[in-house]
Amino acid sequence: MNPITSSSHTFPDKYPDKKLIRVAVALFYFSMGFCFASWASRIPEIKTALNLSDAAFGSILFALPVGQFLMMSFSGKLVTRFGSRKVILFAIPGYTLSLSNLAIATQGWQLAIGLFLFGIFGNMCNISINTQGVATEKIYKRPIMAAFHGGWSIAGFTGALVGLAMINLKIAPYIHFWFVVGIVLTIALLNYRNLIPGRSGIPKTAAPKKRLFSKPDSGLVQLGIIGFCSMASEGAMFDWSGIYFKDVVKAPHALVILGYTSFMITMATGRFMADQVVLKFGRKLLLQVSGILISTGLLISVLFPYLIPSTIAFMMVGLGVSSIVPSVYSAAGRHATIAPGIALATVSSVSYLGFLMGPPLIGYISAAAGLRYSFAVIGIFGFCITLLVSKIKVIH
């Protein structure tokens, strides 16, 4: 077999073919999503067990994106220096063990510490696995990034179903989370060898090295702002959809997770369709329509807070957010003068501010005016995405 090369990685002759690489990378996306969805599926139960108000829980939720945000620049540097495969070897075990610790919290501050660590290792997984995705997309020479994120979404759907089963079987979150740890570590052990080796080096056309506090690349910042709006919406759905169905929709106990599940189903479906849509209609049009779907879905859930309308509305939101993050990550990873790990970290730094601000913002607005008003505020971000995409030049 001939060596496979890209601007960031070199493959020895004995290395598996690109199909094995793609499967391995997809399974690591799945593993990362499965961990996060497992946490999300037990949020209402853990919130109730700790007897936390919406405002208090919103404050505690800050810890996870804070951990992610503080790790951003370090993750990019680690991936650039040591290679994404080596970082994954350390990050995945840390992420799974951090998940298991969330279930042993008996006080709000303990949960906050656990979420902070969960965020740190989650960011390391995010940057290193997405760097693998960017390199694999370069091998295939066509859009496949959304499909990788589709694997993450399928994991979200799977994690939601497993969580629903665990809840109905009355299995404690701690046992549930250790079950997830076992599955994810098994996947990692079986597929680690098929990941792309080597470091994510600086492209040959790289500009001179910048000072520590130099102005960030404007194109990457623009991509990050679009990601910010999308991830604020995603964060709202991940952390509050179950609570919205429980407290606003008044769904039966067994159907509380329906909103989150419906969101994840269409999010996964949209990601597997997105690459073909990009080839046919272009990335810009896809993102503009995506922004409209996000806002429309959230506003429907606010105006019609009933089981069926809200379920359909959350499906629209899932379809809307499905292609935004994969698109901005793919564009960042193809930057001509910045290493993929660093470029992804820059875009993620701005994007995750949305993940940082969205869920707590909902908690504070909910405490002051009600949860429905919180979702209405988050719905504005979708229209912002549509306006931003129409004006920037880095997405074609």
Protein backbone atom coordinates (compact mmCIF):
# COMPACT_ATOMS: atom_id res chain seq x y z
CA MET A 1 0.00 0.00 0.00
CA ASN A 2 1.31 3.43 -0.87
CA PRO A 3 1.90 5.95 1.91
CA ILE A 4 -1.03 8.25 2.63
CA THR A 5 -0.05 11.85 3.17
CA SER A 6 -1.65 15.13 4.10
CA SER A 7 -0.32 18.52 5.08
CA SER A 8 -0.25 17.48 8.74
CA HIS A 9 0.36 13.73 8.92
CA THR A 10 2.48 11.06 7.25
CA PHE A 11 1.39 7.43 7.09
CA PRO A 12 3.84 4.50 6.93
CA ASP A 13 3.33 1.73 4.37
CA LYS A 14 2.16 -0.74 7.02
CA TYR A 15 -0.60 1.58 8.21
CA PRO A 16 -4.27 0.56 7.62
CA ASP A 17 -6.14 1.85 4.60
CA LYS A 18 -8.29 4.95 4.78
CA LYS A 19 -11.52 3.02 5.42
CA LEU A 20 -10.12 1.59 8.66
CA ILE A 21 -8.91 5.04 9.63
CA ARG A 22 -12.35 6.52 9.00
CA VAL A 23 -14.09 3.82 11.05
CA ALA A 24 -11.69 4.28 13.95
CA VAL A 25 -12.07 8.07 13.97
CA ALA A 26 -15.87 7.74 13.78
CA LEU A 27 -15.87 5.37 16.76
CA PHE A 28 -13.91 7.87 18.83
CA TYR A 29 -16.46 10.55 17.96
CA PHE A 30 -19.11 8.06 19.09
CA SER A 31 -17.28 7.41 22.36
CA MET A 32 -17.02 11.10 23.16
CA GLY A 33 -20.71 11.66 22.44
CA PHE A 34 -21.78 8.59 24.40
CA CYS A 35 -20.06 9.90 27.53
CA PHE A 36 -21.66 13.33 27.25
CA ALA A 37 -25.12 11.99 26.48
CA SER A 38 -24.94 9.67 29.47
CA TRP A 39 -24.42 12.68 31.72
CA ALA A 40 -27.17 14.64 29.98
CA SER A 41 -29.68 11.79 30.35
CA ARG A 42 -29.37 11.86 34.16
CA ILE A 43 -29.35 15.65 34.64
CA PRO A 44 -32.97 15.99 35.87
CA GLU A 45 -32.47 13.17 38.38
CA ILE A 46 -29.17 14.53 39.69
CA LYS A 47 -30.58 18.06 39.94
CA THR A 48 -33.53 16.76 41.96
CA ALA A 49 -31.34 14.57 44.18
CA LEU A 50 -29.18 17.58 45.10
CA ASN A 51 -32.29 19.75 45.66
CA LEU A 52 -31.00 22.57 43.45
CA SER A 53 -33.01 25.52 42.15
CA ASP A 54 -32.82 26.52 38.48
CA ALA A 55 -30.51 29.44 39.31
CA ALA A 56 -28.21 27.34 41.52
CA PHE A 57 -28.05 24.56 38.96
CA GLY A 58 -27.34 27.10 36.22
CA SER A 59 -24.37 28.38 38.21
CA ILE A 60 -23.03 24.87 38.74
CA LEU A 61 -23.32 24.18 35.01
CA PHE A 62 -20.77 26.94 34.47
CA ALA A 63 -18.08 24.55 35.71
CA LEU A 64 -18.15 22.23 32.70
CA PRO A 65 -17.65 24.85 29.94
CA VAL A 66 -15.21 26.75 32.17
CA GLY A 67 -13.04 23.62 32.30
CA GLN A 68 -13.38 23.27 28.53
CA PHE A 69 -12.59 26.91 27.90
CA LEU A 70 -9.53 27.06 30.16
CA MET A 71 -8.09 23.99 28.46
CA MET A 72 -8.56 25.31 24.91
CA SER A 73 -5.14 26.75 24.16
CA PHE A 74 -3.34 23.97 26.03
CA SER A 75 -5.17 21.26 24.07
CA GLY A 76 -4.20 22.85 20.76
CA LYS A 77 -0.55 23.07 21.80
CA LEU A 78 -0.51 19.50 23.10
CA VAL A 79 -1.98 18.19 19.84
CA THR A 80 0.47 20.23 17.75
CA ARG A 81 3.49 19.10 19.77
CA PHE A 82 2.71 15.45 20.55
CA GLY A 83 0.11 14.51 17.93
CA SER A 84 -3.60 13.99 18.31
CA ARG A 85 -3.32 10.20 18.69
CA LYS A 86 -1.08 10.46 21.76
CA VAL A 87 -3.35 13.07 23.33
CA ILE A 88 -6.39 10.82 22.80
CA LEU A 89 -4.59 8.00 24.63
CA PHE A 90 -4.56 10.18 27.76
CA ALA A 91 -7.78 12.14 27.24
CA ILE A 92 -10.32 9.32 26.76
CA PRO A 93 -9.56 7.52 30.08
CA GLY A 94 -9.63 10.86 31.89
CA TYR A 95 -12.97 11.76 30.31
CA THR A 96 -14.63 8.48 31.26
CA LEU A 97 -13.35 8.51 34.83
CA SER A 98 -14.52 12.11 35.22
CA LEU A 99 -17.98 10.98 34.09
CA SER A 100 -18.14 8.31 36.79
CA ASN A 101 -17.28 10.88 39.47
CA LEU A 102 -20.31 13.03 38.62
CA ALA A 103 -22.60 10.42 40.13
CA ILE A 104 -21.00 10.47 43.59
CA ALA A 105 -21.60 14.18 44.27
CA THR A 106 -23.72 14.84 47.34
CA GLN A 107 -23.31 18.63 47.36
CA GLY A 108 -23.52 21.24 44.63
CA TRP A 109 -19.85 22.21 44.97
CA GLN A 110 -18.80 18.59 44.51
CA LEU A 111 -20.79 18.39 41.29
CA ALA A 112 -19.16 21.63 40.13
CA ILE A 113 -15.66 20.20 40.68
CA GLY A 114 -16.63 17.03 38.85
CA LEU A 115 -18.03 19.01 35.91
CA PHE A 116 -14.88 21.14 35.78
CA LEU A 117 -12.70 18.03 35.38
CA PHE A 118 -15.21 16.59 32.92
CA GLY A 119 -14.81 19.78 30.89
CA ILE A 120 -11.00 19.69 30.95
CA PHE A 121 -10.76 16.15 29.63
CA GLY A 122 -13.70 16.73 27.31
CA ASN A 123 -11.85 19.58 25.62
CA MET A 124 -8.75 17.47 25.18
CA CYS A 125 -10.93 14.84 23.50
CA ASN A 126 -12.68 17.49 21.41
CA ILE A 127 -9.53 19.07 19.95
CA SER A 128 -7.60 15.82 19.43
CA ILE A 129 -10.50 13.87 17.89
CA ASN A 130 -11.53 16.76 15.64
CA THR A 131 -7.91 17.06 14.51
CA GLN A 132 -8.12 13.40 13.51
CA GLY A 133 -11.35 14.21 11.67
CA VAL A 134 -9.77 17.09 9.75
CA ALA A 135 -6.79 14.95 8.71
CA THR A 136 -9.08 12.13 7.57
CA GLU A 137 -11.17 14.58 5.53
CA LYS A 138 -7.98 15.69 3.78
CA ILE A 139 -7.27 12.06 2.87
CA TYR A 140 -10.72 11.65 1.32
CA LYS A 141 -10.54 15.05 -0.41
CA ARG A 142 -14.28 15.66 0.04
CA PRO A 143 -16.58 16.74 2.90
CA ILE A 144 -16.94 14.02 5.56
CA MET A 145 -16.64 16.09 8.75
CA ALA A 146 -20.40 16.33 9.30
CA ALA A 147 -20.68 12.53 9.14
CA PHE A 148 -18.08 12.25 11.90
CA HIS A 149 -20.14 14.60 14.02
CA GLY A 150 -23.11 12.46 13.06
CA GLY A 151 -21.37 9.63 14.89
CA TRP A 152 -21.26 11.90 17.93
CA SER A 153 -24.97 12.53 17.57
CA ILE A 154 -25.81 8.84 17.18
CA ALA A 155 -23.93 8.35 20.41
CA GLY A 156 -26.10 11.05 21.92
CA PHE A 157 -29.22 9.22 20.82
CA THR A 158 -27.81 5.89 22.05
CA GLY A 159 -26.82 7.45 25.34
CA ALA A 160 -30.31 8.91 25.75
CA LEU A 161 -31.93 5.51 25.13
CA VAL A 162 -29.53 3.78 27.52
CA GLY A 163 -30.23 6.50 30.08
CA LEU A 164 -33.98 6.04 29.65
CA ALA A 165 -33.59 2.29 30.16
CA MET A 166 -31.45 2.81 33.25
CA ILE A 167 -33.99 5.22 34.72
CA ASN A 168 -36.92 2.88 34.13
CA LEU A 169 -34.92 -0.03 35.58
CA LYS A 170 -34.13 2.19 38.59
CA ILE A 171 -30.38 1.73 38.16
CA ALA A 172 -28.36 4.36 40.00
CA PRO A 173 -26.38 6.90 37.94
CA TYR A 174 -23.09 5.62 39.38
CA ILE A 175 -23.65 2.09 38.04
CA HIS A 176 -24.97 3.53 34.77
CA PHE A 177 -21.85 5.68 34.31
CA TRP A 178 -19.45 2.81 35.00
CA PHE A 179 -21.28 0.76 32.38
CA VAL A 180 -20.51 3.58 29.93
CA VAL A 181 -16.86 3.69 31.05
CA GLY A 182 -16.48 0.00 30.22
CA ILE A 183 -17.95 0.39 26.73
CA VAL A 184 -15.89 3.46 25.82
CA LEU A 185 -12.57 2.07 27.06
CA THR A 186 -13.21 -1.14 25.13
CA ILE A 187 -13.81 0.85 21.93
CA ALA A 188 -10.63 2.83 22.56
CA LEU A 189 -8.48 -0.26 23.10
CA LEU A 190 -9.77 -1.97 19.96
CA ASN A 191 -9.43 1.04 17.64
CA TYR A 192 -6.52 3.13 18.91
CA ARG A 193 -4.03 1.51 16.50
CA ASN A 194 -6.05 2.65 13.49
CA LEU A 195 -5.89 6.35 14.35
CA ILE A 196 -3.68 8.66 12.30
CA PRO A 197 -0.13 8.89 13.69
CA GLY A 198 2.16 11.87 13.69
CA ARG A 199 1.91 15.47 14.76
CA SER A 200 -0.34 18.20 13.35
CA GLY A 201 2.46 20.34 12.06
CA ILE A 202 2.45 23.89 10.76
CA PRO A 203 1.53 24.03 7.05
CA LYS A 204 4.39 24.72 4.64
CA THR A 205 2.86 28.10 3.80
CA ALA A 206 2.79 29.14 7.45
CA ALA A 207 3.24 32.77 8.34
CA PRO A 208 6.00 33.82 10.74
CA LYS A 209 5.45 32.83 14.36
CA LYS A 210 3.29 35.32 16.23
CA ARG A 211 3.77 36.68 19.70
CA LEU A 212 1.78 35.22 22.58
CA PHE A 213 -0.81 38.03 22.68
CA SER A 214 -0.96 38.82 18.97
CA LYS A 215 -4.28 39.54 17.31
CA PRO A 216 -6.11 36.30 16.40
CA ASP A 217 -6.85 35.50 12.77
CA SER A 218 -10.03 37.35 11.79
CA GLY A 219 -11.37 34.51 9.66
CA LEU A 220 -11.10 32.07 12.57
CA VAL A 221 -12.81 34.55 14.90
CA GLN A 222 -15.70 34.88 12.44
CA LEU A 223 -16.07 31.11 12.33
CA GLY A 224 -15.94 31.06 16.11
CA ILE A 225 -18.79 33.58 16.43
CA ILE A 226 -21.02 31.39 14.26
CA GLY A 227 -20.02 28.43 16.41
CA PHE A 228 -20.78 30.53 19.50
CA CYS A 229 -24.40 31.03 18.45
CA SER A 230 -24.83 27.37 17.57
CA MET A 231 -23.25 26.04 20.74
CA ALA A 232 -25.32 28.35 22.92
CA SER A 233 -28.37 26.69 21.37
CA GLU A 234 -26.86 23.21 21.72
CA GLY A 235 -25.96 23.83 25.34
CA ALA A 236 -29.52 24.88 26.06
CA MET A 237 -30.84 21.64 24.57
CA PHE A 238 -28.28 19.39 26.23
CA ASP A 239 -28.67 20.76 29.74
CA TRP A 240 -32.26 22.04 29.85
CA SER A 241 -34.38 20.05 27.38
CA GLY A 242 -35.19 17.38 29.97
CA ILE A 243 -36.05 20.00 32.57
CA TYR A 244 -38.15 21.91 30.01
CA PHE A 245 -40.20 18.79 29.27
CA LYS A 246 -40.55 18.07 32.98
CA ASP A 247 -41.46 21.54 34.26
CA VAL A 248 -43.00 23.37 31.26
CA VAL A 249 -44.37 20.68 28.95
CA LYS A 250 -45.43 18.60 31.98
CA ALA A 251 -44.53 15.38 30.16
CA PRO A 252 -45.16 12.07 31.97
CA HIS A 253 -42.11 10.83 33.90
CA ALA A 254 -41.29 8.15 31.31
CA LEU A 255 -41.35 10.77 28.50
CA VAL A 256 -39.29 13.51 30.16
CA ILE A 257 -36.31 12.51 28.03
CA LEU A 258 -38.37 12.69 24.80
CA GLY A 259 -37.36 16.28 24.03
CA TYR A 260 -33.65 15.52 24.31
CA THR A 261 -34.04 12.29 22.34
CA SER A 262 -35.98 13.93 19.49
CA PHE A 263 -33.35 16.68 19.32
CA MET A 264 -30.53 14.14 19.09
CA ILE A 265 -32.30 12.04 16.42
CA THR A 266 -32.62 14.92 13.95
CA MET A 267 -29.20 16.25 14.87
CA ALA A 268 -27.67 12.91 13.89
CA THR A 269 -29.80 12.62 10.75
CA GLY A 270 -28.89 16.13 9.64
CA ARG A 271 -25.19 15.47 10.05
CA PHE A 272 -25.25 12.39 7.87
CA MET A 273 -27.09 14.36 5.18
CA ALA A 274 -25.05 17.58 5.49
CA ASP A 275 -21.98 16.55 3.48
CA GLN A 276 -24.08 15.78 0.41
CA VAL A 277 -26.10 18.97 0.86
CA VAL A 278 -22.87 20.99 0.97
CA LEU A 279 -21.71 19.42 -2.29
CA LYS A 280 -25.03 20.19 -4.01
CA PHE A 281 -26.08 23.58 -2.60
CA GLY A 282 -23.01 25.02 -0.89
CA ARG A 283 -22.08 25.47 2.76
CA LYS A 284 -23.30 29.06 3.03
CA LEU A 285 -26.92 28.32 2.06
CA LEU A 286 -26.99 25.29 4.35
CA LEU A 287 -25.86 27.37 7.33
CA GLN A 288 -28.34 30.17 6.60
CA VAL A 289 -31.24 27.71 6.57
CA SER A 290 -29.84 26.07 9.71
CA GLY A 291 -30.01 29.34 11.64
CA ILE A 292 -33.66 29.83 10.68
CA LEU A 293 -34.52 26.29 11.81
CA ILE A 294 -32.94 26.87 15.23
CA SER A 295 -34.90 30.04 15.92
CA THR A 296 -38.16 28.74 14.51
CA GLY A 297 -37.96 25.54 16.54
CA LEU A 298 -37.20 27.26 19.83
CA LEU A 299 -39.97 29.83 19.32
CA ILE A 300 -42.51 27.08 18.55
CA SER A 301 -41.60 25.33 21.79
CA VAL A 302 -42.19 28.61 23.64
CA LEU A 303 -45.50 29.43 21.97
CA PHE A 304 -46.88 25.87 22.09
CA PRO A 305 -45.46 24.17 25.22
CA TYR A 306 -47.28 20.89 24.71
CA LEU A 307 -45.91 17.40 24.16
CA ILE A 308 -46.32 17.00 20.39
CA PRO A 309 -45.57 20.60 19.26
CA SER A 310 -42.53 20.79 21.55
CA THR A 311 -41.23 17.45 20.33
CA ILE A 312 -41.49 18.63 16.71
CA ALA A 313 -39.89 21.95 17.67
CA PHE A 314 -36.92 20.26 19.33
CA MET A 315 -36.50 18.13 16.20
CA MET A 316 -36.24 21.34 14.16
CA VAL A 317 -33.59 22.68 16.51
CA GLY A 318 -31.63 19.43 16.18
CA LEU A 319 -31.73 19.66 12.40
CA GLY A 320 -30.69 23.30 12.58
CA VAL A 321 -27.60 22.83 14.73
CA SER A 322 -26.54 19.61 13.00
CA SER A 323 -24.21 21.06 10.37
CA ILE A 324 -22.94 24.28 11.94
CA VAL A 325 -20.13 23.08 14.20
CA PRO A 326 -18.83 20.48 11.67
CA SER A 327 -18.76 23.21 9.02
CA VAL A 328 -16.82 25.74 11.07
CA TYR A 329 -14.40 23.07 12.34
CA SER A 330 -13.79 21.80 8.81
CA ALA A 331 -13.12 25.33 7.55
CA ALA A 332 -10.78 26.03 10.47
CA GLY A 333 -8.84 22.80 9.96
CA ARG A 334 -8.11 23.75 6.33
CA HIS A 335 -6.51 27.08 7.25
CA ALA A 336 -3.55 27.74 4.96
CA THR A 337 -1.10 29.12 7.53
CA ILE A 338 -2.15 27.76 10.95
CA ALA A 339 -1.75 24.20 12.25
CA PRO A 340 -5.08 22.31 12.51
CA GLY A 341 -4.81 21.83 16.28
CA ILE A 342 -4.17 25.53 16.88
CA ALA A 343 -6.86 26.63 14.39
CA LEU A 344 -9.44 24.31 15.96
CA ALA A 345 -8.52 25.56 19.42
CA THR A 346 -9.00 29.18 18.30
CA VAL A 347 -12.43 28.51 16.81
CA SER A 348 -13.41 26.35 19.77
CA SER A 349 -12.35 29.06 22.22
CA VAL A 350 -14.88 31.48 20.75
CA SER A 351 -17.52 28.81 20.10
CA TYR A 352 -17.42 27.41 23.61
CA LEU A 353 -18.16 30.82 25.07
CA GLY A 354 -21.67 30.07 23.77
CA PHE A 355 -21.63 26.74 25.54
CA LEU A 356 -20.35 28.58 28.61
CA MET A 357 -23.00 31.29 28.57
CA GLY A 358 -26.07 29.52 27.19
CA PRO A 359 -27.06 27.03 29.92
CA PRO A 360 -26.38 29.36 32.89
CA LEU A 361 -28.17 32.22 31.10
CA ILE A 362 -31.24 30.01 30.86
CA GLY A 363 -31.05 29.31 34.58
CA TYR A 364 -30.88 32.99 35.50
CA ILE A 365 -33.65 34.09 33.15
CA SER A 366 -35.76 31.17 34.30
CA ALA A 367 -35.37 32.20 37.92
CA ALA A 368 -36.45 35.75 37.05
CA ALA A 369 -39.16 35.22 34.43
CA GLY A 370 -39.66 31.51 33.73
CA LEU A 371 -38.09 28.80 31.61
CA ARG A 372 -40.17 29.61 28.51
CA TYR A 373 -38.73 33.13 28.33
CA SER A 374 -35.23 31.65 28.61
CA PHE A 375 -35.77 29.52 25.50
CA ALA A 376 -37.16 32.54 23.65
CA VAL A 377 -33.94 34.47 24.33
CA ILE A 378 -31.76 31.59 23.12
CA GLY A 379 -33.91 31.41 19.97
CA ILE A 380 -32.48 34.77 18.84
CA PHE A 381 -29.10 33.14 18.22
CA GLY A 382 -30.41 31.23 15.22
CA PHE A 383 -31.31 34.42 13.37
CA CYS A 384 -27.87 35.79 14.28
CA ILE A 385 -26.27 32.77 12.55
CA THR A 386 -28.21 33.43 9.35
CA LEU A 387 -27.17 37.10 9.32
CA LEU A 388 -23.50 36.37 10.10
CA VAL A 389 -23.13 33.67 7.46
CA SER A 390 -24.49 35.97 4.76
CA LYS A 391 -21.82 38.60 5.47
CA ILE A 392 -18.56 36.70 6.03
CA LYS A 393 -16.20 35.50 3.31
CA VAL A 394 -14.50 32.49 4.93
CA ILE A 395 -17.43 30.13 4.22
CA HIS A 396 -18.27 29.27 0.62
